Amino acid sequence: MDLLDLIVSPAWAQAAGQPAPGGLFGGGLGGLLFPVILIAIMYFLMIRPQMKRQKEHRAMLDKIAIGDEVITNGGIAGVVREMGEHFIGVEVADNVRLRVQKGAIANVLPKGTLKSA
């Protein structure tokens, strides 16, 4: 016994015990159950609704025609005057036209909305 044993007690190895049970869902394949459930919950609460919104937005963009009243993502309201494959000409005032990307259209307004505003 030396001076260090007086300050810090020596550690002795313990006998090996039985392995701990597999946890909440048991051992083996039961351990994979929790991540699978978590991924399924994330799919139904986050991924699936986002895919549905994208599908609805794409359908709205396909239905846009010349003369429709639209609002862009930036909040600019105007009437569609030109249609291209990727760009749309939006008239925001008399003889003032903006070219915006098709994907930047946020909403299509009912006819006559801009005239009443």
N, C-alpha and C. Protein backbone atom coordinates (compact mmCIF):
# COMPACT_ATOMS: atom_id res chain seq x y z
N MET A 1 0.84 -1.15 0.00
CA MET A 1 0.00 0.00 0.00
C MET A 1 0.90 1.23 0.00
N ASP A 2 0.62 2.08 -0.99
CA ASP A 2 1.45 3.28 -1.07
C ASP A 2 0.60 4.52 -0.80
N LEU A 3 1.16 5.67 -0.94
CA LEU A 3 0.51 6.92 -0.60
C LEU A 3 -0.69 7.21 -1.51
N LEU A 4 -0.61 6.82 -2.75
CA LEU A 4 -1.70 7.07 -3.70
C LEU A 4 -2.95 6.27 -3.32
N ASP A 5 -2.78 5.06 -2.74
CA ASP A 5 -3.94 4.27 -2.33
C ASP A 5 -4.71 4.93 -1.19
N LEU A 6 -4.10 5.77 -0.45
CA LEU A 6 -4.79 6.48 0.61
C LEU A 6 -5.71 7.58 0.05
N ILE A 7 -5.30 8.18 -1.07
CA ILE A 7 -6.09 9.26 -1.67
C ILE A 7 -7.17 8.70 -2.59
N VAL A 8 -6.81 7.77 -3.43
CA VAL A 8 -7.74 7.18 -4.40
C VAL A 8 -7.82 5.70 -4.12
N SER A 9 -9.03 5.21 -3.92
CA SER A 9 -9.16 3.79 -3.63
C SER A 9 -9.00 2.99 -4.93
N PRO A 10 -8.36 1.86 -4.85
CA PRO A 10 -8.14 1.06 -6.06
C PRO A 10 -9.46 0.47 -6.56
N ALA A 11 -9.54 0.33 -7.89
CA ALA A 11 -10.74 -0.24 -8.52
C ALA A 11 -10.49 -1.72 -8.76
N TRP A 12 -11.47 -2.53 -8.45
CA TRP A 12 -11.36 -3.97 -8.63
C TRP A 12 -12.36 -4.40 -9.70
N ALA A 13 -11.97 -5.31 -10.51
CA ALA A 13 -12.86 -5.79 -11.58
C ALA A 13 -14.02 -6.57 -10.98
N GLN A 14 -15.20 -6.43 -11.59
CA GLN A 14 -16.37 -7.16 -11.13
C GLN A 14 -16.58 -8.37 -12.03
N ALA A 15 -17.32 -9.31 -11.51
CA ALA A 15 -17.62 -10.50 -12.29
C ALA A 15 -18.57 -10.12 -13.43
N ALA A 16 -18.42 -10.79 -14.56
CA ALA A 16 -19.26 -10.51 -15.72
C ALA A 16 -20.70 -10.90 -15.42
N GLY A 17 -21.62 -9.98 -15.70
CA GLY A 17 -23.04 -10.26 -15.46
C GLY A 17 -23.71 -10.67 -16.76
N GLN A 18 -25.00 -10.85 -16.69
CA GLN A 18 -25.75 -11.21 -17.88
C GLN A 18 -25.91 -9.97 -18.75
N PRO A 19 -25.98 -10.14 -20.08
CA PRO A 19 -26.15 -8.99 -20.95
C PRO A 19 -27.51 -8.32 -20.69
N ALA A 20 -27.53 -7.04 -20.88
CA ALA A 20 -28.77 -6.27 -20.67
C ALA A 20 -29.80 -6.67 -21.72
N PRO A 21 -31.09 -6.62 -21.36
CA PRO A 21 -32.10 -6.93 -22.36
C PRO A 21 -32.06 -5.93 -23.51
N GLY A 22 -32.73 -6.27 -24.60
CA GLY A 22 -32.66 -5.50 -25.84
C GLY A 22 -33.25 -4.11 -25.78
N GLY A 23 -33.78 -3.69 -24.71
CA GLY A 23 -34.30 -2.33 -24.61
C GLY A 23 -35.81 -2.30 -24.78
N LEU A 24 -36.28 -1.22 -25.34
CA LEU A 24 -37.71 -0.97 -25.46
C LEU A 24 -38.41 -1.98 -26.36
N PHE A 25 -37.80 -2.32 -27.47
CA PHE A 25 -38.44 -3.21 -28.44
C PHE A 25 -37.80 -4.59 -28.51
N GLY A 26 -37.05 -4.97 -27.52
CA GLY A 26 -36.43 -6.29 -27.52
C GLY A 26 -35.16 -6.29 -28.34
N GLY A 27 -34.49 -7.41 -28.39
CA GLY A 27 -33.24 -7.49 -29.12
C GLY A 27 -33.46 -7.92 -30.57
N GLY A 28 -32.37 -8.04 -31.30
CA GLY A 28 -32.42 -8.51 -32.67
C GLY A 28 -33.09 -7.52 -33.60
N LEU A 29 -34.04 -7.98 -34.40
CA LEU A 29 -34.72 -7.13 -35.37
C LEU A 29 -35.66 -6.11 -34.72
N GLY A 30 -36.01 -6.34 -33.48
CA GLY A 30 -36.87 -5.39 -32.77
C GLY A 30 -36.20 -4.03 -32.63
N GLY A 31 -34.89 -3.98 -32.63
CA GLY A 31 -34.16 -2.72 -32.55
C GLY A 31 -34.34 -1.87 -33.79
N LEU A 32 -34.69 -2.47 -34.90
CA LEU A 32 -34.92 -1.71 -36.13
C LEU A 32 -36.34 -1.16 -36.22
N LEU A 33 -37.19 -1.59 -35.34
CA LEU A 33 -38.58 -1.18 -35.38
C LEU A 33 -38.75 0.33 -35.13
N PHE A 34 -38.02 0.87 -34.17
CA PHE A 34 -38.15 2.29 -33.85
C PHE A 34 -37.75 3.19 -35.02
N PRO A 35 -36.61 3.00 -35.68
CA PRO A 35 -36.27 3.86 -36.82
C PRO A 35 -37.27 3.74 -37.97
N VAL A 36 -37.80 2.55 -38.20
CA VAL A 36 -38.78 2.37 -39.27
C VAL A 36 -40.05 3.14 -38.96
N ILE A 37 -40.51 3.09 -37.71
CA ILE A 37 -41.70 3.83 -37.30
C ILE A 37 -41.45 5.33 -37.42
N LEU A 38 -40.27 5.78 -37.04
CA LEU A 38 -39.94 7.20 -37.12
C LEU A 38 -39.94 7.69 -38.57
N ILE A 39 -39.38 6.92 -39.48
CA ILE A 39 -39.35 7.29 -40.89
C ILE A 39 -40.78 7.32 -41.45
N ALA A 40 -41.62 6.37 -41.07
CA ALA A 40 -43.00 6.35 -41.55
C ALA A 40 -43.76 7.58 -41.06
N ILE A 41 -43.56 7.97 -39.82
CA ILE A 41 -44.23 9.15 -39.28
C ILE A 41 -43.77 10.41 -40.03
N MET A 42 -42.47 10.53 -40.28
CA MET A 42 -41.95 11.67 -41.01
C MET A 42 -42.52 11.72 -42.42
N TYR A 43 -42.68 10.57 -43.07
CA TYR A 43 -43.22 10.53 -44.43
C TYR A 43 -44.64 11.07 -44.45
N PHE A 44 -45.49 10.59 -43.53
CA PHE A 44 -46.89 10.99 -43.56
C PHE A 44 -47.12 12.41 -43.04
N LEU A 45 -46.25 12.93 -42.18
CA LEU A 45 -46.45 14.27 -41.64
C LEU A 45 -45.71 15.36 -42.40
N MET A 46 -44.64 15.02 -43.12
CA MET A 46 -43.84 16.06 -43.77
C MET A 46 -43.70 15.86 -45.27
N ILE A 47 -43.28 14.71 -45.70
CA ILE A 47 -42.92 14.51 -47.11
C ILE A 47 -44.16 14.43 -47.99
N ARG A 48 -45.14 13.66 -47.60
CA ARG A 48 -46.34 13.47 -48.42
C ARG A 48 -47.13 14.76 -48.63
N PRO A 49 -47.38 15.59 -47.59
CA PRO A 49 -48.09 16.85 -47.83
C PRO A 49 -47.31 17.80 -48.76
N GLN A 50 -45.99 17.81 -48.65
CA GLN A 50 -45.18 18.67 -49.52
C GLN A 50 -45.29 18.21 -50.97
N MET A 51 -45.27 16.92 -51.21
CA MET A 51 -45.42 16.40 -52.57
C MET A 51 -46.80 16.75 -53.13
N LYS A 52 -47.82 16.72 -52.29
CA LYS A 52 -49.17 17.07 -52.72
C LYS A 52 -49.24 18.54 -53.12
N ARG A 53 -48.62 19.44 -52.33
CA ARG A 53 -48.61 20.86 -52.67
C ARG A 53 -47.87 21.11 -53.98
N GLN A 54 -46.75 20.42 -54.21
CA GLN A 54 -46.02 20.58 -55.45
C GLN A 54 -46.85 20.14 -56.65
N LYS A 55 -47.58 19.06 -56.49
CA LYS A 55 -48.42 18.55 -57.57
C LYS A 55 -49.54 19.55 -57.90
N GLU A 56 -50.17 20.13 -56.87
CA GLU A 56 -51.21 21.12 -57.08
C GLU A 56 -50.66 22.38 -57.75
N HIS A 57 -49.47 22.82 -57.36
CA HIS A 57 -48.85 24.01 -57.95
C HIS A 57 -48.53 23.77 -59.42
N ARG A 58 -48.01 22.58 -59.74
CA ARG A 58 -47.69 22.24 -61.12
C ARG A 58 -48.95 22.22 -61.98
N ALA A 59 -50.05 21.68 -61.43
CA ALA A 59 -51.32 21.65 -62.17
C ALA A 59 -51.84 23.07 -62.40
N MET A 60 -51.68 23.96 -61.40
CA MET A 60 -52.11 25.34 -61.56
C MET A 60 -51.31 26.04 -62.66
N LEU A 61 -50.00 25.79 -62.70
CA LEU A 61 -49.15 26.42 -63.72
C LEU A 61 -49.50 25.92 -65.11
N ASP A 62 -49.89 24.67 -65.23
CA ASP A 62 -50.25 24.13 -66.54
C ASP A 62 -51.55 24.73 -67.07
N LYS A 63 -52.42 25.19 -66.17
CA LYS A 63 -53.73 25.73 -66.57
C LYS A 63 -53.71 27.23 -66.86
N ILE A 64 -52.58 27.91 -66.59
CA ILE A 64 -52.52 29.36 -66.81
C ILE A 64 -52.65 29.65 -68.30
N ALA A 65 -53.48 30.67 -68.62
CA ALA A 65 -53.68 31.08 -70.01
C ALA A 65 -53.56 32.60 -70.10
N ILE A 66 -53.44 33.09 -71.31
CA ILE A 66 -53.36 34.53 -71.53
C ILE A 66 -54.67 35.16 -71.07
N GLY A 67 -54.56 36.26 -70.31
CA GLY A 67 -55.72 36.95 -69.78
C GLY A 67 -56.01 36.62 -68.33
N ASP A 68 -55.34 35.61 -67.78
CA ASP A 68 -55.53 35.27 -66.37
C ASP A 68 -54.86 36.32 -65.48
N GLU A 69 -55.47 36.59 -64.35
CA GLU A 69 -54.89 37.50 -63.36
C GLU A 69 -54.13 36.67 -62.34
N VAL A 70 -52.86 37.05 -62.11
CA VAL A 70 -51.98 36.24 -61.26
C VAL A 70 -51.28 37.11 -60.24
N ILE A 71 -50.75 36.45 -59.21
CA ILE A 71 -49.88 37.08 -58.22
C ILE A 71 -48.58 36.28 -58.20
N THR A 72 -47.45 36.99 -58.23
CA THR A 72 -46.16 36.31 -58.17
C THR A 72 -45.77 36.06 -56.72
N ASN A 73 -44.70 35.30 -56.53
CA ASN A 73 -44.21 35.04 -55.17
C ASN A 73 -43.74 36.32 -54.49
N GLY A 74 -43.36 37.32 -55.28
CA GLY A 74 -42.93 38.59 -54.72
C GLY A 74 -44.07 39.52 -54.39
N GLY A 75 -45.31 39.13 -54.70
CA GLY A 75 -46.47 39.95 -54.36
C GLY A 75 -46.91 40.86 -55.49
N ILE A 76 -46.34 40.73 -56.67
CA ILE A 76 -46.72 41.58 -57.80
C ILE A 76 -47.94 40.96 -58.47
N ALA A 77 -48.98 41.78 -58.65
CA ALA A 77 -50.21 41.31 -59.28
C ALA A 77 -50.28 41.87 -60.70
N GLY A 78 -50.75 41.05 -61.62
CA GLY A 78 -50.86 41.50 -62.99
C GLY A 78 -51.66 40.52 -63.83
N VAL A 79 -51.74 40.84 -65.12
CA VAL A 79 -52.49 40.03 -66.07
C VAL A 79 -51.50 39.37 -67.03
N VAL A 80 -51.68 38.09 -67.29
CA VAL A 80 -50.79 37.35 -68.20
C VAL A 80 -51.05 37.83 -69.62
N ARG A 81 -50.00 38.30 -70.30
CA ARG A 81 -50.11 38.78 -71.68
C ARG A 81 -49.29 37.95 -72.66
N GLU A 82 -48.25 37.28 -72.17
CA GLU A 82 -47.41 36.43 -73.03
C GLU A 82 -47.17 35.11 -72.32
N MET A 83 -47.10 34.05 -73.10
CA MET A 83 -46.81 32.73 -72.53
C MET A 83 -45.62 32.13 -73.25
N GLY A 84 -44.68 31.65 -72.49
CA GLY A 84 -43.56 30.91 -73.03
C GLY A 84 -43.45 29.58 -72.30
N GLU A 85 -42.44 28.83 -72.66
CA GLU A 85 -42.27 27.53 -72.00
C GLU A 85 -41.80 27.70 -70.56
N HIS A 86 -40.90 28.67 -70.34
CA HIS A 86 -40.34 28.86 -69.00
C HIS A 86 -40.68 30.23 -68.40
N PHE A 87 -41.05 31.19 -69.25
CA PHE A 87 -41.32 32.55 -68.77
C PHE A 87 -42.71 32.99 -69.17
N ILE A 88 -43.26 33.92 -68.36
CA ILE A 88 -44.59 34.47 -68.61
C ILE A 88 -44.47 35.99 -68.57
N GLY A 89 -45.10 36.67 -69.53
CA GLY A 89 -45.14 38.13 -69.53
C GLY A 89 -46.36 38.58 -68.76
N VAL A 90 -46.13 39.33 -67.68
CA VAL A 90 -47.22 39.80 -66.82
C VAL A 90 -47.31 41.32 -66.95
N GLU A 91 -48.48 41.82 -67.32
CA GLU A 91 -48.69 43.26 -67.43
C GLU A 91 -49.17 43.77 -66.08
N VAL A 92 -48.37 44.65 -65.46
CA VAL A 92 -48.69 45.15 -64.13
C VAL A 92 -49.34 46.53 -64.18
N ALA A 93 -49.17 47.25 -65.28
CA ALA A 93 -49.80 48.55 -65.49
C ALA A 93 -49.91 48.73 -67.01
N ASP A 94 -50.50 49.84 -67.44
CA ASP A 94 -50.62 50.08 -68.88
C ASP A 94 -49.23 50.15 -69.51
N ASN A 95 -48.99 49.29 -70.48
CA ASN A 95 -47.72 49.21 -71.22
C ASN A 95 -46.51 48.93 -70.34
N VAL A 96 -46.72 48.30 -69.19
CA VAL A 96 -45.61 47.89 -68.32
C VAL A 96 -45.71 46.38 -68.15
N ARG A 97 -44.76 45.67 -68.73
CA ARG A 97 -44.78 44.21 -68.68
C ARG A 97 -43.51 43.69 -68.02
N LEU A 98 -43.70 42.70 -67.20
CA LEU A 98 -42.58 42.02 -66.54
C LEU A 98 -42.51 40.59 -67.04
N ARG A 99 -41.31 40.12 -67.22
CA ARG A 99 -41.14 38.70 -67.55
C ARG A 99 -40.73 37.98 -66.29
N VAL A 100 -41.53 37.01 -65.88
CA VAL A 100 -41.23 36.24 -64.68
C VAL A 100 -41.18 34.76 -65.03
N GLN A 101 -40.46 34.02 -64.24
CA GLN A 101 -40.43 32.57 -64.44
C GLN A 101 -41.79 32.00 -64.11
N LYS A 102 -42.12 30.93 -64.83
CA LYS A 102 -43.42 30.31 -64.61
C LYS A 102 -43.58 29.84 -63.16
N GLY A 103 -42.53 29.32 -62.59
CA GLY A 103 -42.58 28.82 -61.22
C GLY A 103 -42.76 29.90 -60.17
N ALA A 104 -42.58 31.18 -60.57
CA ALA A 104 -42.72 32.28 -59.62
C ALA A 104 -44.16 32.73 -59.46
N ILE A 105 -45.07 32.12 -60.19
CA ILE A 105 -46.48 32.45 -60.04
C ILE A 105 -47.01 31.74 -58.80
N ALA A 106 -47.54 32.52 -57.86
CA ALA A 106 -48.02 31.94 -56.60
C ALA A 106 -49.49 31.55 -56.69
N ASN A 107 -50.33 32.44 -57.25
CA ASN A 107 -51.78 32.20 -57.29
C ASN A 107 -52.36 32.73 -58.58
N VAL A 108 -53.45 32.12 -59.01
CA VAL A 108 -54.25 32.65 -60.10
C VAL A 108 -55.51 33.22 -59.45
N LEU A 109 -55.78 34.48 -59.73
CA LEU A 109 -56.91 35.17 -59.13
C LEU A 109 -58.17 34.99 -59.98
N PRO A 110 -59.33 35.12 -59.37
CA PRO A 110 -60.58 35.11 -60.15
C PRO A 110 -60.63 36.33 -61.08
N LYS A 111 -61.32 36.18 -62.21
CA LYS A 111 -61.42 37.28 -63.19
C LYS A 111 -62.05 38.51 -62.54
N GLY A 112 -61.48 39.69 -62.85
CA GLY A 112 -62.03 40.94 -62.35
C GLY A 112 -61.52 41.37 -60.99
N THR A 113 -60.64 40.59 -60.39
CA THR A 113 -60.13 40.92 -59.06
C THR A 113 -59.28 42.19 -59.09
N LEU A 114 -58.43 42.35 -60.10
CA LEU A 114 -57.55 43.50 -60.16
C LEU A 114 -58.30 44.78 -60.49
N LYS A 115 -59.35 44.70 -61.27
CA LYS A 115 -60.12 45.90 -61.62
C LYS A 115 -60.90 46.42 -60.41
N SER A 116 -61.31 45.53 -59.52
CA SER A 116 -62.07 45.96 -58.36
C SER A 116 -61.17 46.51 -57.26
N ALA A 117 -59.87 46.26 -57.35
CA ALA A 117 -58.94 46.72 -56.31
C ALA A 117 -58.48 48.13 -56.54
